[in-house]
N, C-alpha and C. Protein backbone atom coordinates (compact mmCIF):
# COMPACT_ATOMS: atom_id res chain seq x y z
N UNK A 1 252.33 -49.95 70.78
CA UNK A 1 251.96 -50.54 70.32
C UNK A 1 252.13 -52.02 70.19
N UNK A 2 253.03 -52.08 71.19
CA UNK A 2 253.81 -53.47 71.59
C UNK A 2 252.58 -53.70 72.60
N UNK A 3 251.83 -53.09 73.62
CA UNK A 3 250.68 -53.06 74.38
C UNK A 3 249.35 -54.33 73.84
N UNK A 4 249.66 -53.34 72.63
CA UNK A 4 247.94 -54.11 71.22
C UNK A 4 249.03 -55.29 70.83
N UNK A 5 250.28 -55.53 70.73
CA UNK A 5 250.63 -56.71 69.95
C UNK A 5 250.04 -57.88 71.02
N UNK A 6 250.45 -57.71 72.37
CA UNK A 6 250.48 -58.67 73.53
C UNK A 6 248.58 -58.90 74.08
N UNK A 7 247.89 -58.08 73.71
CA UNK A 7 246.71 -58.36 73.65
C UNK A 7 245.95 -59.13 72.74
N UNK A 8 246.22 -58.97 71.58
CA UNK A 8 246.12 -59.54 70.23
C UNK A 8 246.84 -61.17 70.30
N UNK A 9 248.05 -61.11 70.91
CA UNK A 9 248.57 -62.39 70.63
C UNK A 9 248.31 -62.86 71.85
N UNK A 10 247.28 -64.05 71.27
CA UNK A 10 246.71 -65.46 72.47
C UNK A 10 247.64 -65.86 72.85
N UNK A 11 248.22 -66.26 72.49
CA UNK A 11 249.21 -67.17 73.25
C UNK A 11 250.43 -66.81 74.10
N UNK A 12 250.41 -65.31 73.64
CA UNK A 12 251.66 -64.77 74.56
C UNK A 12 250.30 -64.48 76.16
N UNK A 13 249.42 -64.48 75.70
CA UNK A 13 248.20 -64.61 77.28
C UNK A 13 247.83 -66.01 77.78
N UNK A 14 248.75 -67.21 77.00
CA UNK A 14 248.62 -68.05 77.69
C UNK A 14 247.45 -69.03 77.19
N UNK A 15 246.68 -68.76 76.04
CA UNK A 15 246.00 -69.57 75.14
C UNK A 15 246.27 -70.54 74.23
N UNK A 16 246.37 -71.89 74.40
CA UNK A 16 246.78 -72.37 73.52
C UNK A 16 246.36 -72.23 71.58
N UNK A 17 244.68 -71.81 71.25
CA UNK A 17 244.06 -72.20 70.15
C UNK A 17 243.02 -70.60 70.42
N UNK A 18 242.53 -70.26 69.32
CA UNK A 18 242.05 -69.25 69.56
C UNK A 18 240.06 -69.61 69.66
N UNK A 19 239.88 -70.72 69.76
CA UNK A 19 238.67 -71.51 70.44
C UNK A 19 238.49 -71.46 71.65
N UNK A 20 239.99 -71.41 72.25
CA UNK A 20 239.64 -71.18 73.85
C UNK A 20 239.55 -70.05 74.69
N UNK A 21 239.21 -69.07 73.52
CA UNK A 21 238.81 -67.45 74.39
C UNK A 21 237.52 -67.35 73.67
N UNK A 22 236.70 -67.11 75.18
CA UNK A 22 235.42 -66.14 74.99
C UNK A 22 235.15 -65.27 75.45
N UNK A 23 234.56 -64.52 74.78
CA UNK A 23 234.64 -62.99 74.93
C UNK A 23 233.01 -62.82 75.11
N UNK A 24 232.62 -61.81 76.32
CA UNK A 24 231.06 -61.37 76.66
C UNK A 24 231.38 -60.55 76.92
N UNK A 25 229.92 -59.51 77.21
CA UNK A 25 229.75 -58.13 77.51
C UNK A 25 229.09 -58.72 79.00
N UNK A 26 228.33 -59.37 79.13
CA UNK A 26 227.56 -59.72 80.14
C UNK A 26 227.04 -61.56 80.53
N UNK A 27 226.82 -61.64 81.69
CA UNK A 27 226.81 -63.34 82.11
C UNK A 27 225.98 -63.21 83.20
N UNK A 28 226.01 -64.32 83.53
CA UNK A 28 224.95 -64.81 85.06
C UNK A 28 225.43 -63.96 85.95
N UNK A 29 226.63 -63.83 85.89
CA UNK A 29 227.27 -62.86 86.98
C UNK A 29 227.50 -61.50 86.84
N UNK A 30 226.77 -61.14 85.80
CA UNK A 30 227.28 -59.70 85.64
C UNK A 30 225.94 -58.98 84.76
N UNK A 31 225.31 -57.79 85.17
CA UNK A 31 224.39 -57.16 84.12
C UNK A 31 224.43 -56.57 83.34
N UNK A 32 223.32 -56.66 82.45
CA UNK A 32 223.54 -56.27 81.25
C UNK A 32 224.07 -55.02 80.99
N UNK A 33 225.00 -54.58 79.93
CA UNK A 33 225.89 -53.50 79.57
C UNK A 33 224.43 -52.32 79.94
N UNK A 34 223.23 -52.28 79.39
CA UNK A 34 222.74 -51.46 79.33
C UNK A 34 221.69 -51.36 81.00
N UNK A 35 221.56 -51.97 81.82
CA UNK A 35 221.64 -52.29 83.23
C UNK A 35 222.76 -51.43 84.13
N UNK A 36 223.65 -50.64 83.70
CA UNK A 36 224.85 -49.96 84.42
C UNK A 36 224.03 -48.71 84.65
N UNK A 37 224.66 -48.48 86.02
CA UNK A 37 224.06 -47.07 86.28
C UNK A 37 224.41 -46.11 85.43
N UNK A 38 224.89 -46.35 84.61
CA UNK A 38 225.51 -44.64 83.90
C UNK A 38 225.27 -45.06 82.15
N UNK A 39 224.59 -46.08 82.02
CA UNK A 39 223.55 -46.26 80.94
C UNK A 39 221.62 -45.67 81.66
N UNK A 40 221.45 -45.99 82.65
CA UNK A 40 219.98 -46.21 83.07
C UNK A 40 219.77 -44.74 82.80
N UNK A 41 220.65 -43.50 83.25
CA UNK A 41 220.32 -42.29 83.34
C UNK A 41 220.18 -41.68 81.91
N UNK A 42 220.83 -42.09 81.21
CA UNK A 42 220.61 -41.99 79.13
C UNK A 42 219.52 -41.75 78.65
N UNK A 43 219.15 -41.16 77.90
CA UNK A 43 218.28 -41.17 76.58
C UNK A 43 218.21 -42.83 76.26
N UNK A 44 217.54 -43.23 75.24
CA UNK A 44 217.39 -44.19 74.84
C UNK A 44 218.45 -44.47 73.69
N UNK A 45 218.63 -43.17 73.11
CA UNK A 45 219.46 -43.11 71.73
C UNK A 45 220.63 -42.72 72.14
N UNK A 46 221.12 -42.45 73.38
CA UNK A 46 222.61 -42.01 73.96
C UNK A 46 222.77 -43.43 74.17
N UNK A 47 222.14 -44.32 75.08
CA UNK A 47 222.56 -45.28 75.64
C UNK A 47 222.95 -46.46 74.48
N UNK A 48 222.04 -46.66 73.59
CA UNK A 48 222.09 -47.82 72.39
C UNK A 48 223.42 -47.33 71.48
N UNK A 49 223.81 -46.20 71.68
CA UNK A 49 225.26 -46.07 70.90
C UNK A 49 226.32 -46.99 71.11
N UNK A 50 226.75 -46.67 72.06
CA UNK A 50 227.78 -47.28 73.25
C UNK A 50 227.77 -48.87 72.90
N UNK A 51 226.57 -49.40 73.10
CA UNK A 51 225.73 -50.91 72.61
C UNK A 51 226.10 -51.17 71.69
N UNK A 52 225.61 -50.56 70.41
CA UNK A 52 226.19 -50.84 69.21
C UNK A 52 227.23 -51.04 69.34
N UNK A 53 228.82 -50.39 70.01
CA UNK A 53 230.08 -50.33 69.61
C UNK A 53 230.50 -51.78 70.37
N UNK A 54 229.66 -51.61 71.85
CA UNK A 54 230.50 -53.14 72.48
C UNK A 54 229.81 -54.06 71.70
N UNK A 55 228.80 -54.33 70.72
CA UNK A 55 228.70 -55.40 69.99
C UNK A 55 229.47 -55.65 68.74
N UNK A 56 229.98 -54.57 68.05
CA UNK A 56 230.85 -54.64 66.91
C UNK A 56 231.90 -55.43 67.62
N UNK A 57 232.74 -54.79 68.82
CA UNK A 57 234.20 -55.16 69.64
C UNK A 57 233.72 -56.23 69.93
N UNK A 58 232.27 -57.28 70.39
CA UNK A 58 232.26 -58.22 71.09
C UNK A 58 232.15 -59.33 70.15
N UNK A 59 231.50 -59.14 68.57
CA UNK A 59 231.53 -59.93 67.70
C UNK A 59 232.64 -59.96 67.11
N UNK A 60 233.67 -58.84 66.29
CA UNK A 60 234.66 -59.36 65.92
C UNK A 60 236.20 -59.39 65.84
N UNK A 61 235.92 -59.52 67.88
CA UNK A 61 237.31 -59.83 68.60
C UNK A 61 237.57 -61.39 68.20
N UNK A 62 238.87 -61.12 68.39
CA UNK A 62 239.30 -62.97 67.89
C UNK A 62 238.83 -63.66 69.06
N UNK A 63 238.41 -65.09 68.96
CA UNK A 63 238.01 -65.54 70.07
C UNK A 63 236.21 -65.95 69.32
N UNK A 64 235.38 -66.14 70.47
CA UNK A 64 233.96 -66.98 70.23
C UNK A 64 233.30 -65.88 71.07
N UNK A 65 232.28 -65.38 70.30
CA UNK A 65 231.69 -64.41 71.13
C UNK A 65 230.44 -64.70 72.10
N UNK A 66 230.08 -64.73 73.18
CA UNK A 66 228.54 -64.89 73.91
C UNK A 66 227.85 -64.49 74.16
N UNK A 67 227.03 -64.50 73.44
CA UNK A 67 225.84 -63.32 74.24
C UNK A 67 224.62 -63.86 75.06
N UNK A 68 224.92 -63.35 76.07
CA UNK A 68 223.77 -63.22 77.11
C UNK A 68 222.41 -63.17 76.95
N UNK A 69 221.21 -64.18 76.98
CA UNK A 69 220.17 -63.78 76.72
C UNK A 69 219.34 -62.22 77.12
N UNK A 70 219.25 -62.02 76.06
CA UNK A 70 218.52 -60.61 75.71
C UNK A 70 219.26 -59.53 75.68
N UNK A 71 220.78 -59.78 75.44
CA UNK A 71 221.64 -58.99 75.57
C UNK A 71 221.80 -57.82 73.99
N UNK A 72 220.91 -58.99 73.15
CA UNK A 72 221.13 -58.59 71.70
C UNK A 72 219.79 -57.60 71.24
N UNK A 73 218.79 -57.50 72.01
CA UNK A 73 217.48 -56.81 71.99
C UNK A 73 217.91 -55.58 72.98
N UNK A 74 218.84 -55.20 74.29
CA UNK A 74 218.94 -54.61 74.74
C UNK A 74 218.27 -54.62 76.46
N UNK A 75 218.22 -55.48 76.44
CA UNK A 75 217.30 -55.92 77.81
C UNK A 75 218.20 -55.25 79.13
N UNK A 76 217.50 -54.60 79.82
CA UNK A 76 218.14 -53.74 80.82
C UNK A 76 218.01 -54.31 82.04
N UNK A 77 217.58 -55.54 82.43
CA UNK A 77 217.73 -56.02 83.76
C UNK A 77 218.85 -56.61 84.30
N UNK A 78 218.93 -56.15 85.78
CA UNK A 78 220.33 -56.57 86.44
C UNK A 78 220.16 -57.80 87.13
N UNK A 79 221.69 -58.62 87.05
CA UNK A 79 221.33 -59.97 87.79
C UNK A 79 221.27 -59.83 89.11
N UNK A 80 220.04 -61.15 89.75
CA UNK A 80 220.22 -61.50 91.03
C UNK A 80 220.36 -62.55 91.20
N UNK A 81 221.44 -62.94 92.06
CA UNK A 81 221.65 -64.48 92.11
C UNK A 81 220.85 -65.12 92.64
N UNK A 82 220.44 -66.20 92.07
CA UNK A 82 219.42 -67.48 91.97
C UNK A 82 218.03 -66.83 92.19
N UNK A 83 217.28 -65.77 91.19
CA UNK A 83 216.50 -65.29 90.66
C UNK A 83 216.21 -65.94 89.51
N UNK A 84 215.04 -65.79 88.90
CA UNK A 84 214.88 -65.63 87.49
C UNK A 84 215.12 -64.41 86.75
N UNK A 85 215.43 -64.52 85.69
CA UNK A 85 215.35 -63.37 85.23
C UNK A 85 214.93 -63.42 83.91
N UNK A 86 213.51 -63.39 83.77
CA UNK A 86 212.89 -63.34 82.22
C UNK A 86 213.25 -62.75 80.91
N UNK A 87 213.31 -63.11 79.94
CA UNK A 87 213.55 -62.31 78.85
C UNK A 87 212.15 -61.37 78.43
N UNK A 88 212.31 -60.36 78.29
CA UNK A 88 211.39 -59.18 78.66
C UNK A 88 210.99 -58.96 76.45
N UNK A 89 210.36 -59.87 75.99
CA UNK A 89 210.38 -59.79 74.53
C UNK A 89 209.40 -59.12 73.99
N UNK A 90 208.45 -58.09 74.85
CA UNK A 90 207.67 -56.77 74.66
C UNK A 90 208.58 -55.69 74.34
N UNK A 91 210.54 -56.05 75.17
CA UNK A 91 210.86 -54.88 74.40
C UNK A 91 211.24 -54.53 73.38
N UNK A 92 211.06 -55.43 72.59
CA UNK A 92 211.15 -56.01 70.68
C UNK A 92 210.00 -54.94 70.30
N UNK A 93 209.11 -54.48 71.02
CA UNK A 93 208.09 -53.32 69.80
C UNK A 93 208.88 -51.99 70.09
N UNK A 94 209.68 -51.39 70.82
CA UNK A 94 210.45 -50.31 70.89
C UNK A 94 211.22 -50.39 69.94
N UNK A 95 211.51 -49.07 69.14
CA UNK A 95 212.27 -49.02 68.17
C UNK A 95 213.79 -48.99 68.64
N UNK A 96 213.88 -48.71 69.09
CA UNK A 96 215.54 -48.87 69.89
C UNK A 96 216.17 -50.08 70.06
N UNK A 97 215.23 -50.89 70.89
CA UNK A 97 215.37 -52.00 71.25
C UNK A 97 215.58 -52.57 69.32
N UNK A 98 214.26 -52.83 69.17
CA UNK A 98 214.20 -53.72 67.26
C UNK A 98 215.51 -53.38 66.67
N UNK A 99 215.68 -52.13 66.52
CA UNK A 99 217.34 -51.86 65.90
C UNK A 99 218.65 -52.32 65.98
N UNK A 100 219.05 -52.39 68.05
CA UNK A 100 219.63 -53.48 68.24
C UNK A 100 219.55 -54.73 67.82
N UNK A 101 218.54 -55.19 68.15
CA UNK A 101 218.60 -56.60 67.03
C UNK A 101 218.95 -56.75 65.92
N UNK A 102 218.28 -55.96 65.02
CA UNK A 102 218.93 -55.93 63.57
C UNK A 102 220.41 -55.70 63.32
N UNK A 103 220.72 -54.82 64.41
CA UNK A 103 222.32 -54.40 64.13
C UNK A 103 223.45 -55.49 64.64
N UNK A 104 222.56 -56.42 65.68
CA UNK A 104 223.32 -57.39 65.97
C UNK A 104 223.61 -58.39 64.75
N UNK A 105 222.22 -58.80 64.29
CA UNK A 105 221.58 -59.68 63.52
C UNK A 105 223.17 -59.36 62.43
N UNK A 106 223.25 -57.91 61.91
CA UNK A 106 224.00 -57.95 60.47
C UNK A 106 225.96 -57.76 61.03
N UNK A 107 225.93 -57.58 61.94
CA UNK A 107 227.52 -57.93 62.27
C UNK A 107 227.60 -59.22 62.99
N UNK A 108 227.18 -59.62 63.20
CA UNK A 108 227.11 -61.22 63.21
C UNK A 108 227.35 -61.96 61.74
N UNK A 109 226.58 -61.73 60.74
CA UNK A 109 226.64 -61.69 59.45
C UNK A 109 227.89 -61.34 58.80
N UNK A 110 228.47 -60.05 59.40
CA UNK A 110 229.48 -59.70 58.76
C UNK A 110 230.81 -60.52 59.60
N UNK A 111 230.54 -61.34 61.05
CA UNK A 111 231.42 -62.32 61.24
C UNK A 111 231.97 -63.26 60.52
């Protein structure tokens, strides 16, 4: 329980305010969650379950959530330094991708 308190107590971690904490799952330096090797080999239903859990944790965690472009609808491209990484809007035609977007909208509203 003490470790949990240390993680949740931001001042113990050196942050002055909650707004100094930025949480993210992916960034320009890190691939999208669904691009990770362990997710690429799963069927879409199995892969999107942990993506939804990650969305809940990201959006409800103390601090400010940062979404990397396409993360909210399951874009699974890998990051390549200094290369364009266009959004794949056509993914929204797939049911799992569309459901993930709706899920993100729902947890953001709950926040």
